[in-house]
Protein backbone atom coordinates (compact mmCIF):
# COMPACT_ATOMS: atom_id res chain seq x y z
CA UNK A 1 0.00 0.00 0.00
CA UNK A 2 2.81 2.41 0.76
CA UNK A 3 4.34 1.96 -2.72
CA UNK A 4 0.94 2.79 -4.23
CA UNK A 5 0.71 5.90 -2.07
CA UNK A 6 4.25 6.90 -3.06
CA UNK A 7 3.40 6.48 -6.74
CA UNK A 8 0.28 8.62 -6.34
CA UNK A 9 2.30 11.28 -4.53
CA UNK A 10 5.02 11.12 -7.21
CA UNK A 11 2.39 11.48 -9.94
CA UNK A 12 0.80 14.37 -8.07
CA UNK A 13 4.19 16.09 -7.62
CA UNK A 14 4.90 15.65 -11.35
CA UNK A 15 1.49 17.08 -12.19
CA UNK A 16 2.12 20.10 -9.95
CA UNK A 17 5.57 20.64 -11.49
CA UNK A 18 4.08 20.49 -14.99
CA UNK A 19 1.29 22.87 -13.96
CA UNK A 20 3.83 25.34 -12.53
CA UNK A 21 5.83 25.21 -15.77
CA UNK A 22 2.68 25.78 -17.81
CA UNK A 23 1.71 28.69 -15.57
CA UNK A 24 5.12 30.29 -16.11
CA UNK A 25 4.71 29.89 -19.87
CA UNK A 26 1.28 31.52 -19.75
CA UNK A 27 2.69 34.31 -17.59
CA UNK A 28 5.45 35.00 -20.12
CA UNK A 29 2.93 35.06 -22.97
CA UNK A 30 0.66 37.47 -21.08
CA UNK A 31 3.60 39.74 -20.24
CA UNK A 32 4.73 39.74 -23.88
CA UNK A 33 1.23 40.53 -25.11
CA UNK A 34 0.85 43.28 -22.50
CA UNK A 35 4.17 44.90 -23.42
CA UNK A 36 3.33 44.77 -27.12
CA UNK A 37 -0.08 46.34 -26.51
CA UNK A 38 1.38 49.01 -24.22
CA UNK A 39 3.99 49.87 -26.84
CA UNK A 40 1.28 50.18 -29.53
CA UNK A 41 -0.76 52.49 -27.29
CA UNK A 42 2.26 54.66 -26.46
CA UNK A 43 3.25 54.85 -30.12
CA UNK A 44 -0.26 55.93 -31.09
CA UNK A 45 -0.11 58.68 -28.45
CA UNK A 46 3.13 60.09 -29.91
CA UNK A 47 4.88 59.75 -26.57
CA UNK A 48 8.56 60.66 -26.74
CA UNK A 49 11.12 58.15 -25.52
CA UNK A 50 13.38 59.26 -22.70
CA UNK A 51 16.52 59.08 -24.86
CA UNK A 52 14.96 61.39 -27.45
CA UNK A 53 13.78 63.79 -24.75
CA UNK A 54 17.23 63.91 -23.14
CA UNK A 55 18.88 64.55 -26.53
CA UNK A 56 16.53 67.43 -27.34
CA UNK A 57 16.92 68.87 -23.84
CA UNK A 58 20.70 68.81 -24.24
CA UNK A 59 20.44 70.49 -27.65
CA UNK A 60 18.20 73.20 -26.18
CA UNK A 61 20.65 73.82 -23.32
CA UNK A 62 23.53 74.17 -25.78
CA UNK A 63 21.47 76.52 -27.97
CA UNK A 64 20.55 78.61 -24.92
CA UNK A 65 24.22 78.85 -23.89
CA UNK A 66 25.21 79.83 -27.42
CA UNK A 67 22.42 82.41 -27.53
CA UNK A 68 23.60 83.92 -24.23
CA UNK A 69 27.18 84.11 -25.53
CA UNK A 70 26.04 85.79 -28.76
CA UNK A 71 23.89 88.24 -26.80
CA UNK A 72 26.90 89.18 -24.66
CA UNK A 73 29.04 89.70 -27.79
CA UNK A 74 26.37 91.90 -29.38
CA UNK A 75 26.04 93.97 -26.22
CA UNK A 76 29.83 94.35 -26.07
CA UNK A 77 29.99 95.43 -29.72
CA UNK A 78 27.10 97.87 -29.26
CA UNK A 79 28.82 99.37 -26.22
CA UNK A 80 32.03 99.68 -28.19
CA UNK A 81 30.23 101.36 -31.10
CA UNK A 82 28.36 103.64 -28.71
CA UNK A 83 31.55 104.83 -27.07
CA UNK A 84 33.17 105.55 -30.45
CA UNK A 85 30.30 107.67 -31.79
């Protein structure tokens, strides 16, 4: 009787192991489907990726710095012209 009980328990353990493996497979499929759907939604909303945002922000900062430098040069030249006239 104990060998029959052991076999039933072994079969049950195998069934549970197989069920856990199947559940992990289903979980991976659901995650993949969710990520794909989320990406489609974000793309349809024209959401900017962080890398693109950071690149544009850096370009704007450089342009602002360049603009400030040019403004200072113009003011210096205007002051120089004003003192000559």
